[in-house]
């Protein structure tokens, strides 16, 4: 019985392994403290004059590396400022005024990967991500439906990447509906963003 290369990869490579968004989201820098000495890895810290990283060394690592090392108990991680308690409280008070793009351009994508790191506050971060999205969703929908003759750059300035996509999908849908109602279009066609989203979901299924 032959075994396809795809079957070998199933369960090994994450679904979003080839996603550019996922790759960019995992570049977020995480402050880490090494719990063990790491031999031959002194080059990771430009300020380190030794060949090895000694226990207690502090440095910033990209999320993908920090997550792996933290789950192997080699490092202890500090949450990035936008996900710490003070920032979470601000989001809880009024998430709609916060500039997520300026803080972390892939706020939700990075957050969902961050909560996989062993940290006592990660359950609170998880709840905050959901509440933040829910709290901003209605305003995003309202703005995207009433943005004719307005500067879209200013309206989307505070939205993270996923929110910008959601805004654009809804805006295009409203635009197509308006054209159909004015009989400027014979068929209501889904936007390219919706088609691409559906295609990605089908690819994940098969």
N, C-alpha and C. Protein backbone atom coordinates (compact mmCIF):
# COMPACT_ATOMS: atom_id res chain seq x y z
N UNK A 1 0.85 -1.19 0.00
CA UNK A 1 0.00 0.00 0.00
C UNK A 1 0.88 1.24 0.00
N UNK A 2 0.65 2.12 -0.96
CA UNK A 2 1.46 3.33 -1.05
C UNK A 2 0.91 4.41 -0.13
N UNK A 3 1.80 5.23 0.37
CA UNK A 3 1.41 6.32 1.26
C UNK A 3 1.76 7.63 0.58
N UNK A 4 0.76 8.47 0.36
CA UNK A 4 0.99 9.74 -0.33
C UNK A 4 1.74 10.70 0.58
N UNK A 5 2.44 11.63 -0.06
CA UNK A 5 3.18 12.64 0.71
C UNK A 5 2.23 13.48 1.53
N UNK A 6 1.00 13.70 1.01
CA UNK A 6 0.02 14.50 1.74
C UNK A 6 -0.38 13.82 3.03
N UNK A 7 -0.57 12.48 2.98
CA UNK A 7 -0.97 11.76 4.19
C UNK A 7 0.13 11.79 5.24
N UNK A 8 1.38 11.85 4.78
CA UNK A 8 2.49 11.95 5.73
C UNK A 8 2.51 13.30 6.42
N UNK A 9 2.07 14.34 5.67
CA UNK A 9 2.09 15.69 6.21
C UNK A 9 0.90 15.98 7.12
N UNK A 10 -0.21 15.26 6.90
CA UNK A 10 -1.42 15.46 7.71
C UNK A 10 -1.10 15.23 9.19
N UNK A 11 -1.47 16.18 10.01
CA UNK A 11 -1.23 16.07 11.44
C UNK A 11 0.13 16.54 11.87
N UNK A 12 1.02 16.81 10.90
CA UNK A 12 2.36 17.29 11.22
C UNK A 12 2.46 18.79 10.96
N UNK A 13 2.03 19.21 9.77
CA UNK A 13 2.08 20.62 9.40
C UNK A 13 0.75 21.28 9.73
N UNK A 14 0.75 22.38 10.48
CA UNK A 14 -0.49 23.08 10.80
C UNK A 14 -1.20 23.56 9.54
N UNK A 15 -2.52 23.77 9.64
CA UNK A 15 -3.33 24.18 8.49
C UNK A 15 -2.87 25.51 7.92
N UNK A 16 -2.38 26.40 8.79
CA UNK A 16 -1.99 27.73 8.33
C UNK A 16 -0.49 27.85 8.08
N UNK A 17 0.17 26.72 7.88
CA UNK A 17 1.63 26.71 7.75
C UNK A 17 2.09 27.59 6.59
N UNK A 18 1.35 27.57 5.47
CA UNK A 18 1.76 28.31 4.27
C UNK A 18 1.04 29.66 4.17
N UNK A 19 0.37 30.07 5.22
CA UNK A 19 -0.36 31.34 5.20
C UNK A 19 0.59 32.51 5.48
N UNK A 20 0.61 33.49 4.57
CA UNK A 20 1.46 34.67 4.77
C UNK A 20 1.01 35.43 6.03
N UNK A 21 -0.29 35.51 6.24
CA UNK A 21 -0.80 36.20 7.42
C UNK A 21 -0.30 35.53 8.69
N UNK A 22 -0.34 34.22 8.71
CA UNK A 22 0.13 33.48 9.88
C UNK A 22 1.63 33.70 10.12
N UNK A 23 2.39 33.68 9.03
CA UNK A 23 3.84 33.90 9.14
C UNK A 23 4.14 35.29 9.70
N UNK A 24 3.44 36.30 9.18
CA UNK A 24 3.65 37.67 9.64
C UNK A 24 3.18 37.85 11.08
N UNK A 25 2.08 37.19 11.44
CA UNK A 25 1.56 37.30 12.80
C UNK A 25 2.54 36.72 13.82
N UNK A 26 3.29 35.72 13.41
CA UNK A 26 4.22 35.06 14.33
C UNK A 26 5.57 35.77 14.43
N UNK A 27 5.70 36.91 13.74
CA UNK A 27 6.93 37.69 13.85
C UNK A 27 6.90 38.63 15.05
N UNK A 28 5.76 38.73 15.72
CA UNK A 28 5.65 39.59 16.91
C UNK A 28 6.74 39.23 17.91
N UNK A 29 7.46 40.24 18.39
CA UNK A 29 8.55 39.99 19.33
C UNK A 29 8.02 39.76 20.75
N UNK A 30 8.56 38.74 21.41
CA UNK A 30 8.16 38.36 22.76
C UNK A 30 9.38 38.42 23.67
N UNK A 31 9.26 39.14 24.78
CA UNK A 31 10.35 39.21 25.76
C UNK A 31 10.43 37.88 26.51
N UNK A 32 11.63 37.28 26.52
CA UNK A 32 11.81 35.96 27.13
C UNK A 32 13.00 35.97 28.10
N UNK A 33 12.90 35.11 29.10
CA UNK A 33 14.01 34.87 30.02
C UNK A 33 14.34 33.38 29.93
N UNK A 34 15.59 33.07 29.65
CA UNK A 34 15.99 31.68 29.52
C UNK A 34 16.09 31.02 30.91
N UNK A 35 15.41 29.91 31.05
CA UNK A 35 15.38 29.19 32.32
C UNK A 35 16.54 28.20 32.43
N UNK A 36 17.14 27.91 31.28
CA UNK A 36 18.27 26.98 31.24
C UNK A 36 19.36 27.55 30.35
N UNK A 37 20.58 27.13 30.58
CA UNK A 37 21.69 27.56 29.72
C UNK A 37 21.56 26.85 28.37
N UNK A 38 21.80 27.61 27.30
CA UNK A 38 21.69 27.07 25.95
C UNK A 38 23.07 27.10 25.31
N UNK A 39 23.65 25.95 25.12
CA UNK A 39 25.02 25.85 24.62
C UNK A 39 25.08 26.11 23.11
N UNK A 40 26.01 26.96 22.73
CA UNK A 40 26.23 27.25 21.32
C UNK A 40 25.25 28.23 20.71
N UNK A 41 24.40 28.84 21.53
CA UNK A 41 23.39 29.77 21.02
C UNK A 41 23.64 31.21 21.44
N UNK A 42 24.84 31.50 21.84
CA UNK A 42 25.16 32.87 22.26
C UNK A 42 24.99 33.88 21.14
N UNK A 43 25.07 33.42 19.90
CA UNK A 43 24.95 34.34 18.75
C UNK A 43 23.56 34.95 18.63
N UNK A 44 22.57 34.34 19.29
CA UNK A 44 21.20 34.88 19.23
C UNK A 44 21.10 36.25 19.90
N UNK A 45 21.98 36.51 20.85
CA UNK A 45 21.98 37.78 21.57
C UNK A 45 23.21 38.59 21.14
N UNK A 46 23.00 39.66 20.34
CA UNK A 46 24.13 40.46 19.85
C UNK A 46 25.00 41.05 20.96
N UNK A 47 24.39 41.27 22.13
CA UNK A 47 25.15 41.86 23.23
C UNK A 47 25.93 40.83 24.03
N UNK A 48 25.74 39.57 23.72
CA UNK A 48 26.39 38.49 24.46
C UNK A 48 27.78 38.23 23.89
N UNK A 49 28.78 38.24 24.75
CA UNK A 49 30.15 38.01 24.32
C UNK A 49 30.56 36.55 24.42
N UNK A 50 29.67 35.72 24.98
CA UNK A 50 30.00 34.32 25.18
C UNK A 50 29.41 33.45 24.06
N UNK A 51 29.93 32.27 23.94
CA UNK A 51 29.43 31.33 22.94
C UNK A 51 28.07 30.78 23.34
N UNK A 52 27.81 30.73 24.65
CA UNK A 52 26.57 30.14 25.15
C UNK A 52 25.63 31.20 25.72
N UNK A 53 24.36 30.86 25.79
CA UNK A 53 23.37 31.68 26.50
C UNK A 53 23.20 31.10 27.89
N UNK A 54 23.51 31.89 28.89
CA UNK A 54 23.43 31.38 30.26
C UNK A 54 22.01 31.52 30.80
N UNK A 55 21.69 30.74 31.81
CA UNK A 55 20.38 30.81 32.45
C UNK A 55 20.15 32.21 33.01
N UNK A 56 18.98 32.77 32.78
CA UNK A 56 18.67 34.13 33.22
C UNK A 56 18.85 35.17 32.14
N UNK A 57 19.39 34.78 31.00
CA UNK A 57 19.57 35.72 29.89
C UNK A 57 18.20 36.20 29.41
N UNK A 58 18.14 37.50 29.11
CA UNK A 58 16.88 38.09 28.62
C UNK A 58 17.06 38.56 27.19
N UNK A 59 16.07 38.27 26.37
CA UNK A 59 16.10 38.73 24.98
C UNK A 59 14.71 38.61 24.36
N UNK A 60 14.53 39.30 23.25
CA UNK A 60 13.27 39.23 22.53
C UNK A 60 13.39 38.23 21.39
N UNK A 61 12.39 37.38 21.30
CA UNK A 61 12.35 36.35 20.27
C UNK A 61 11.05 36.46 19.49
N UNK A 62 11.04 36.07 18.21
CA UNK A 62 9.78 36.06 17.47
C UNK A 62 8.83 35.05 18.10
N UNK A 63 7.55 35.31 17.97
CA UNK A 63 6.53 34.48 18.62
C UNK A 63 6.68 33.00 18.30
N UNK A 64 6.97 32.67 17.05
CA UNK A 64 7.04 31.25 16.67
C UNK A 64 8.15 30.53 17.45
N UNK A 65 9.27 31.22 17.68
CA UNK A 65 10.38 30.61 18.42
C UNK A 65 10.10 30.62 19.92
N UNK A 66 9.56 31.73 20.42
CA UNK A 66 9.26 31.84 21.84
C UNK A 66 8.25 30.78 22.26
N UNK A 67 7.23 30.55 21.43
CA UNK A 67 6.20 29.57 21.75
C UNK A 67 6.79 28.17 21.85
N UNK A 68 7.65 27.83 20.91
CA UNK A 68 8.27 26.50 20.93
C UNK A 68 9.13 26.31 22.17
N UNK A 69 9.98 27.29 22.45
CA UNK A 69 10.89 27.18 23.59
C UNK A 69 10.14 27.20 24.91
N UNK A 70 9.06 28.00 24.98
CA UNK A 70 8.29 28.08 26.22
C UNK A 70 7.59 26.75 26.51
N UNK A 71 7.05 26.12 25.48
CA UNK A 71 6.37 24.84 25.68
C UNK A 71 7.34 23.70 25.97
N UNK A 72 8.62 23.92 25.66
CA UNK A 72 9.66 22.96 26.03
C UNK A 72 10.29 23.33 27.38
N UNK A 73 9.76 24.39 27.99
CA UNK A 73 10.22 24.88 29.31
C UNK A 73 11.66 25.36 29.30
N UNK A 74 12.10 25.89 28.15
CA UNK A 74 13.43 26.48 28.08
C UNK A 74 13.40 27.96 28.44
N UNK A 75 12.26 28.62 28.21
CA UNK A 75 12.15 30.05 28.49
C UNK A 75 10.82 30.35 29.18
N UNK A 76 10.81 31.49 29.88
CA UNK A 76 9.57 32.05 30.42
C UNK A 76 9.28 33.32 29.63
N UNK A 77 8.03 33.48 29.21
CA UNK A 77 7.68 34.59 28.32
C UNK A 77 6.87 35.66 29.04
N UNK A 78 7.07 36.89 28.57
CA UNK A 78 6.28 38.03 29.05
C UNK A 78 5.30 38.41 27.94
N UNK A 79 4.07 38.68 28.32
CA UNK A 79 3.08 39.06 27.33
C UNK A 79 3.43 40.42 26.73
N UNK A 80 3.26 40.60 25.41
CA UNK A 80 3.45 41.93 24.80
C UNK A 80 2.47 42.92 25.43
N UNK A 81 2.86 44.17 25.48
CA UNK A 81 2.06 45.21 26.15
C UNK A 81 0.60 45.25 25.70
N UNK A 82 0.27 45.12 24.39
CA UNK A 82 -1.13 45.19 23.98
C UNK A 82 -2.01 44.08 24.56
N UNK A 83 -1.40 43.03 25.11
CA UNK A 83 -2.17 41.91 25.66
C UNK A 83 -2.09 41.85 27.18
N UNK A 84 -1.38 42.79 27.79
CA UNK A 84 -1.27 42.80 29.24
C UNK A 84 -2.54 43.35 29.89
N UNK A 85 -2.63 43.20 31.20
CA UNK A 85 -3.86 43.53 31.92
C UNK A 85 -4.31 44.98 31.72
N UNK A 86 -3.36 45.92 31.76
CA UNK A 86 -3.72 47.34 31.58
C UNK A 86 -4.38 47.57 30.23
N UNK A 87 -3.80 47.01 29.18
CA UNK A 87 -4.36 47.16 27.84
C UNK A 87 -5.70 46.43 27.72
N UNK A 88 -5.82 45.29 28.37
CA UNK A 88 -7.08 44.55 28.32
C UNK A 88 -8.20 45.33 29.00
N UNK A 89 -7.87 46.03 30.06
CA UNK A 89 -8.88 46.84 30.75
C UNK A 89 -9.35 48.01 29.88
N UNK A 90 -8.42 48.59 29.13
CA UNK A 90 -8.79 49.68 28.21
C UNK A 90 -9.72 49.16 27.12
N UNK A 91 -9.42 47.98 26.59
CA UNK A 91 -10.27 47.38 25.58
C UNK A 91 -11.64 47.05 26.15
N UNK A 92 -11.67 46.61 27.38
CA UNK A 92 -12.94 46.27 28.01
C UNK A 92 -13.79 47.51 28.22
N UNK A 93 -13.14 48.64 28.54
CA UNK A 93 -13.88 49.89 28.78
C UNK A 93 -14.51 50.41 27.49
N UNK A 94 -13.73 50.46 26.41
CA UNK A 94 -14.27 50.91 25.11
C UNK A 94 -13.29 50.49 24.02
N UNK A 95 -13.52 49.31 23.47
CA UNK A 95 -12.58 48.77 22.48
C UNK A 95 -12.62 49.53 21.16
N UNK A 96 -13.72 50.24 20.88
CA UNK A 96 -13.89 50.88 19.58
C UNK A 96 -12.92 52.04 19.34
N UNK A 97 -12.37 52.62 20.42
CA UNK A 97 -11.49 53.78 20.26
C UNK A 97 -10.01 53.39 20.16
N UNK A 98 -9.72 52.10 20.35
CA UNK A 98 -8.33 51.65 20.38
C UNK A 98 -7.82 51.41 18.96
N UNK A 99 -6.61 51.88 18.68
CA UNK A 99 -5.97 51.67 17.38
C UNK A 99 -5.24 50.33 17.42
N UNK A 100 -5.94 49.26 17.04
CA UNK A 100 -5.34 47.93 17.08
C UNK A 100 -4.22 47.79 16.06
N UNK A 101 -4.38 48.39 14.89
CA UNK A 101 -3.37 48.27 13.84
C UNK A 101 -2.03 48.83 14.30
N UNK A 102 -2.08 49.93 15.03
CA UNK A 102 -0.85 50.55 15.53
C UNK A 102 -0.20 49.69 16.60
N UNK A 103 -1.01 49.02 17.40
CA UNK A 103 -0.47 48.19 18.48
C UNK A 103 0.09 46.87 17.94
N UNK A 104 -0.76 46.12 17.26
CA UNK A 104 -0.35 44.85 16.64
C UNK A 104 -1.19 44.70 15.38
N UNK A 105 -0.58 44.77 14.21
CA UNK A 105 -1.35 44.81 12.97
C UNK A 105 -2.17 43.54 12.76
N UNK A 106 -1.67 42.40 13.27
CA UNK A 106 -2.45 41.16 13.25
C UNK A 106 -2.90 40.85 14.68
N UNK A 107 -3.68 41.73 15.24
CA UNK A 107 -4.02 41.65 16.66
C UNK A 107 -4.66 40.31 17.02
N UNK A 108 -5.67 39.90 16.29
CA UNK A 108 -6.38 38.65 16.63
C UNK A 108 -5.56 37.42 16.26
N UNK A 109 -4.94 37.44 15.09
CA UNK A 109 -4.14 36.30 14.64
C UNK A 109 -2.97 36.07 15.60
N UNK A 110 -2.28 37.13 15.95
CA UNK A 110 -1.17 37.02 16.90
C UNK A 110 -1.68 36.56 18.26
N UNK A 111 -2.81 37.12 18.68
CA UNK A 111 -3.38 36.77 19.98
C UNK A 111 -3.74 35.31 20.10
N UNK A 112 -4.34 34.74 19.04
CA UNK A 112 -4.73 33.33 19.09
C UNK A 112 -3.52 32.40 19.14
N UNK A 113 -2.38 32.86 18.64
CA UNK A 113 -1.15 32.07 18.74
C UNK A 113 -0.47 32.30 20.09
N UNK A 114 -0.60 33.52 20.59
CA UNK A 114 0.02 33.86 21.86
C UNK A 114 -0.55 33.05 23.02
N UNK A 115 -1.86 32.78 22.99
CA UNK A 115 -2.50 32.09 24.12
C UNK A 115 -2.08 30.63 24.22
N UNK A 116 -1.33 30.13 23.25
CA UNK A 116 -0.82 28.75 23.33
C UNK A 116 0.46 28.68 24.15
N UNK A 117 1.00 29.85 24.50
CA UNK A 117 2.19 29.90 25.35
C UNK A 117 1.79 29.66 26.80
N UNK A 118 2.53 28.86 27.55
CA UNK A 118 2.21 28.67 28.96
C UNK A 118 2.44 29.95 29.76
N UNK A 119 1.35 30.63 30.10
CA UNK A 119 1.42 31.87 30.86
C UNK A 119 0.11 31.99 31.65
N UNK A 120 0.18 32.37 32.93
CA UNK A 120 -1.04 32.41 33.75
C UNK A 120 -2.13 33.36 33.26
N UNK A 121 -1.76 34.37 32.46
CA UNK A 121 -2.76 35.33 32.00
C UNK A 121 -3.38 34.97 30.65
N UNK A 122 -2.91 33.90 30.03
CA UNK A 122 -3.41 33.54 28.70
C UNK A 122 -4.92 33.29 28.66
N UNK A 123 -5.53 32.66 29.67
CA UNK A 123 -6.99 32.51 29.64
C UNK A 123 -7.71 33.87 29.61
N UNK A 124 -7.15 34.88 30.29
CA UNK A 124 -7.75 36.22 30.28
C UNK A 124 -7.57 36.87 28.91
N UNK A 125 -6.43 36.61 28.28
CA UNK A 125 -6.20 37.14 26.94
C UNK A 125 -7.21 36.54 25.97
N UNK A 126 -7.47 35.26 26.10
CA UNK A 126 -8.42 34.59 25.23
C UNK A 126 -9.81 35.22 25.33
N UNK A 127 -10.25 35.48 26.54
CA UNK A 127 -11.56 36.12 26.75
C UNK A 127 -11.55 37.54 26.18
N UNK A 128 -10.45 38.25 26.37
CA UNK A 128 -10.33 39.63 25.88
C UNK A 128 -10.42 39.69 24.36
N UNK A 129 -9.82 38.73 23.67
CA UNK A 129 -9.86 38.70 22.21
C UNK A 129 -11.30 38.62 21.71
N UNK A 130 -12.08 37.74 22.33
CA UNK A 130 -13.48 37.57 21.92
C UNK A 130 -14.28 38.83 22.22
N UNK A 131 -14.14 39.36 23.42
CA UNK A 131 -14.90 40.56 23.79
C UNK A 131 -14.52 41.76 22.93
N UNK A 132 -13.24 41.87 22.60
CA UNK A 132 -12.79 42.98 21.75
C UNK A 132 -13.43 42.90 20.37
N UNK A 133 -13.41 41.72 19.79
CA UNK A 133 -14.00 41.55 18.46
C UNK A 133 -15.50 41.83 18.48
N UNK A 134 -16.19 41.28 19.45
CA UNK A 134 -17.64 41.50 19.57
C UNK A 134 -17.94 42.97 19.77
N UNK A 135 -17.12 43.64 20.59
CA UNK A 135 -17.36 45.05 20.88
C UNK A 135 -17.12 45.96 19.70
N UNK A 136 -16.29 45.56 18.76
CA UNK A 136 -15.96 46.39 17.60
C UNK A 136 -16.74 46.00 16.34
N UNK A 137 -17.35 44.82 16.36
CA UNK A 137 -18.00 44.28 15.16
C UNK A 137 -19.11 45.18 14.64
N UNK A 138 -20.02 45.61 15.50
CA UNK A 138 -21.16 46.41 15.06
C UNK A 138 -20.72 47.72 14.41
N UNK A 139 -19.72 48.37 15.01
CA UNK A 139 -19.24 49.64 14.45
C UNK A 139 -18.60 49.41 13.08
N UNK A 140 -17.88 48.31 12.92
CA UNK A 140 -17.26 47.99 11.64
C UNK A 140 -18.33 47.78 10.57
N UNK A 141 -19.37 47.04 10.94
CA UNK A 141 -20.47 46.79 9.99
C UNK A 141 -21.20 48.09 9.64
N UNK A 142 -21.50 48.89 10.65
CA UNK A 142 -22.21 50.15 10.41
C UNK A 142 -21.38 51.08 9.53
N UNK A 143 -20.10 51.18 9.82
CA UNK A 143 -19.23 52.08 9.05
C UNK A 143 -19.09 51.62 7.60
N UNK A 144 -18.97 50.32 7.40
CA UNK A 144 -18.79 49.80 6.04
C UNK A 144 -20.04 49.95 5.20
N UNK A 145 -21.20 50.04 5.84
CA UNK A 145 -22.46 50.19 5.11
C UNK A 145 -22.81 51.65 4.84
N UNK A 146 -22.10 52.56 5.50
CA UNK A 146 -22.41 53.98 5.35
C UNK A 146 -21.14 54.79 5.07
N UNK A 147 -20.38 54.34 4.11
CA UNK A 147 -19.08 54.97 3.85
C UNK A 147 -18.99 55.60 2.46
N UNK A 148 -20.13 55.85 1.84
CA UNK A 148 -20.11 56.45 0.51
C UNK A 148 -19.50 57.85 0.58
N UNK A 149 -18.63 58.14 -0.38
CA UNK A 149 -18.02 59.47 -0.50
C UNK A 149 -17.23 59.87 0.75
N UNK A 150 -16.70 58.88 1.45
CA UNK A 150 -15.89 59.15 2.63
C UNK A 150 -14.49 58.58 2.44
N UNK A 151 -13.57 59.10 3.22
CA UNK A 151 -12.18 58.65 3.14
C UNK A 151 -12.06 57.30 3.85
N UNK A 152 -11.92 56.23 3.08
CA UNK A 152 -11.85 54.90 3.67
C UNK A 152 -10.58 54.71 4.49
N UNK A 153 -9.51 55.44 4.12
CA UNK A 153 -8.26 55.33 4.86
C UNK A 153 -8.43 55.73 6.31
N UNK A 154 -9.13 56.84 6.54
CA UNK A 154 -9.36 57.29 7.91
C UNK A 154 -10.30 56.36 8.67
N UNK A 155 -11.31 55.83 7.96
CA UNK A 155 -12.28 54.95 8.62
C UNK A 155 -11.65 53.63 9.04
N UNK A 156 -10.68 53.16 8.27
CA UNK A 156 -10.07 51.85 8.55
C UNK A 156 -8.75 51.95 9.31
N UNK A 157 -8.36 53.14 9.64
CA UNK A 157 -7.02 53.36 10.21
C UNK A 157 -6.78 52.56 11.48
N UNK A 158 -7.79 52.42 12.33
CA UNK A 158 -7.62 51.77 13.62
C UNK A 158 -7.92 50.27 13.59
N UNK A 159 -8.29 49.76 12.42
CA UNK A 159 -8.65 48.35 12.30
C UNK A 159 -7.44 47.48 12.06
N UNK A 160 -7.43 46.30 12.67
CA UNK A 160 -6.34 45.38 12.39
C UNK A 160 -6.59 44.73 11.02
N UNK A 161 -5.69 43.89 10.56
CA UNK A 161 -5.77 43.34 9.20
C UNK A 161 -7.07 42.58 8.97
N UNK A 162 -7.45 41.73 9.91
CA UNK A 162 -8.69 40.95 9.75
C UNK A 162 -9.91 41.85 9.74
N UNK A 163 -9.91 42.88 10.56
CA UNK A 163 -11.04 43.80 10.59
C UNK A 163 -11.14 44.59 9.29
N UNK A 164 -10.00 44.96 8.73
CA UNK A 164 -10.00 45.67 7.44
C UNK A 164 -10.62 44.80 6.35
N UNK A 165 -10.30 43.52 6.35
CA UNK A 165 -10.88 42.60 5.37
C UNK A 165 -12.40 42.49 5.56
N UNK A 166 -12.80 42.38 6.81
CA UNK A 166 -14.23 42.30 7.11
C UNK A 166 -14.96 43.56 6.64
N UNK A 167 -14.35 44.70 6.88
CA UNK A 167 -14.91 45.98 6.44
C UNK A 167 -15.08 46.00 4.93
N UNK A 168 -14.05 45.57 4.20
CA UNK A 168 -14.07 45.63 2.74
C UNK A 168 -15.09 44.65 2.16
N UNK A 169 -15.18 43.46 2.74
CA UNK A 169 -16.16 42.47 2.27
C UNK A 169 -17.57 43.02 2.39
N UNK A 170 -17.87 43.61 3.53
CA UNK A 170 -19.22 44.15 3.75
C UNK A 170 -19.48 45.36 2.85
N UNK A 171 -18.47 46.22 2.68
CA UNK A 171 -18.63 47.40 1.83
C UNK A 171 -18.93 47.00 0.39
N UNK A 172 -18.20 46.03 -0.13
CA UNK A 172 -18.42 45.57 -1.49
C UNK A 172 -19.78 44.89 -1.66
N UNK A 173 -20.20 44.17 -0.62
CA UNK A 173 -21.51 43.52 -0.67
C UNK A 173 -22.63 44.54 -0.75
N UNK A 174 -22.52 45.61 0.03
CA UNK A 174 -23.52 46.68 0.01
C UNK A 174 -23.51 47.38 -1.35
N UNK A 175 -22.33 47.59 -1.90
CA UNK A 175 -22.20 48.25 -3.20
C UNK A 175 -22.86 47.43 -4.31
N UNK A 176 -22.65 46.11 -4.27
CA UNK A 176 -23.26 45.23 -5.26
C UNK A 176 -24.78 45.20 -5.12
N UNK A 177 -25.25 45.20 -3.88
CA UNK A 177 -26.70 45.22 -3.65
C UNK A 177 -27.32 46.50 -4.17
N UNK A 178 -26.66 47.63 -3.95
CA UNK A 178 -27.16 48.91 -4.46
C UNK A 178 -27.24 48.91 -5.99
N UNK A 179 -26.23 48.36 -6.64
CA UNK A 179 -26.24 48.29 -8.10
C UNK A 179 -27.38 47.42 -8.60
N UNK A 180 -27.63 46.32 -7.91
CA UNK A 180 -28.71 45.43 -8.31
C UNK A 180 -30.07 46.11 -8.15
N UNK A 181 -30.23 46.83 -7.02
CA UNK A 181 -31.50 47.51 -6.79
C UNK A 181 -31.75 48.60 -7.83
N UNK A 182 -30.68 49.20 -8.35
CA UNK A 182 -30.81 50.22 -9.39
C UNK A 182 -30.82 49.60 -10.79
N UNK A 183 -30.88 48.24 -10.82
CA UNK A 183 -30.90 47.48 -12.07
C UNK A 183 -29.64 47.73 -12.91
N UNK A 184 -28.55 48.02 -12.22
CA UNK A 184 -27.28 48.19 -12.93
C UNK A 184 -26.53 46.87 -13.04
N UNK A 185 -27.10 45.86 -12.42
CA UNK A 185 -26.47 44.55 -12.46
C UNK A 185 -27.57 43.50 -12.53
N UNK A 186 -27.40 42.50 -13.39
CA UNK A 186 -28.40 41.45 -13.54
C UNK A 186 -28.26 40.35 -12.48
N UNK A 187 -27.03 40.17 -11.99
CA UNK A 187 -26.77 39.08 -11.05
C UNK A 187 -26.01 39.63 -9.85
N UNK A 188 -26.40 39.18 -8.67
CA UNK A 188 -25.63 39.52 -7.47
C UNK A 188 -24.48 38.54 -7.38
N UNK A 189 -23.29 39.02 -7.65
CA UNK A 189 -22.11 38.16 -7.62
C UNK A 189 -21.34 38.38 -6.33
N UNK A 190 -20.83 37.33 -5.72
CA UNK A 190 -20.04 37.49 -4.50
C UNK A 190 -18.74 38.22 -4.80
N UNK A 191 -18.25 38.97 -3.82
CA UNK A 191 -17.00 39.69 -4.01
C UNK A 191 -15.84 38.71 -4.12
N UNK A 192 -14.74 39.18 -4.69
CA UNK A 192 -13.55 38.33 -4.84
C UNK A 192 -13.03 37.86 -3.50
N UNK A 193 -13.14 38.71 -2.48
CA UNK A 193 -12.67 38.34 -1.15
C UNK A 193 -13.47 37.17 -0.59
N UNK A 194 -14.79 37.18 -0.83
CA UNK A 194 -15.65 36.09 -0.35
C UNK A 194 -15.31 34.81 -1.09
N UNK A 195 -15.13 34.90 -2.41
CA UNK A 195 -14.80 33.73 -3.22
C UNK A 195 -13.49 33.11 -2.76
N UNK A 196 -12.49 33.96 -2.52
CA UNK A 196 -11.18 33.46 -2.07
C UNK A 196 -11.29 32.82 -0.70
N UNK A 197 -12.11 33.42 0.18
CA UNK A 197 -12.30 32.87 1.52
C UNK A 197 -12.94 31.49 1.45
N UNK A 198 -13.95 31.34 0.60
CA UNK A 198 -14.61 30.04 0.44
C UNK A 198 -13.66 29.01 -0.14
N UNK A 199 -12.83 29.44 -1.09
CA UNK A 199 -11.87 28.52 -1.71
C UNK A 199 -10.88 28.01 -0.68
N UNK A 200 -10.40 28.92 0.20
CA UNK A 200 -9.46 28.49 1.25
C UNK A 200 -10.10 27.48 2.17
N UNK A 201 -11.38 27.68 2.51
CA UNK A 201 -12.07 26.75 3.40
C UNK A 201 -12.24 25.40 2.73
N UNK A 202 -12.56 25.40 1.40
CA UNK A 202 -12.69 24.13 0.69
C UNK A 202 -11.35 23.40 0.64
N UNK A 203 -10.28 24.14 0.41
CA UNK A 203 -8.95 23.52 0.35
C UNK A 203 -8.59 22.89 1.69
N UNK A 204 -9.01 23.54 2.78
CA UNK A 204 -8.71 23.00 4.10
C UNK A 204 -9.49 21.71 4.36
N UNK A 205 -10.71 21.64 3.81
CA UNK A 205 -11.55 20.46 4.00
C UNK A 205 -10.99 19.27 3.23
N UNK A 206 -10.56 19.56 1.97
CA UNK A 206 -10.08 18.46 1.13
C UNK A 206 -8.56 18.32 1.18
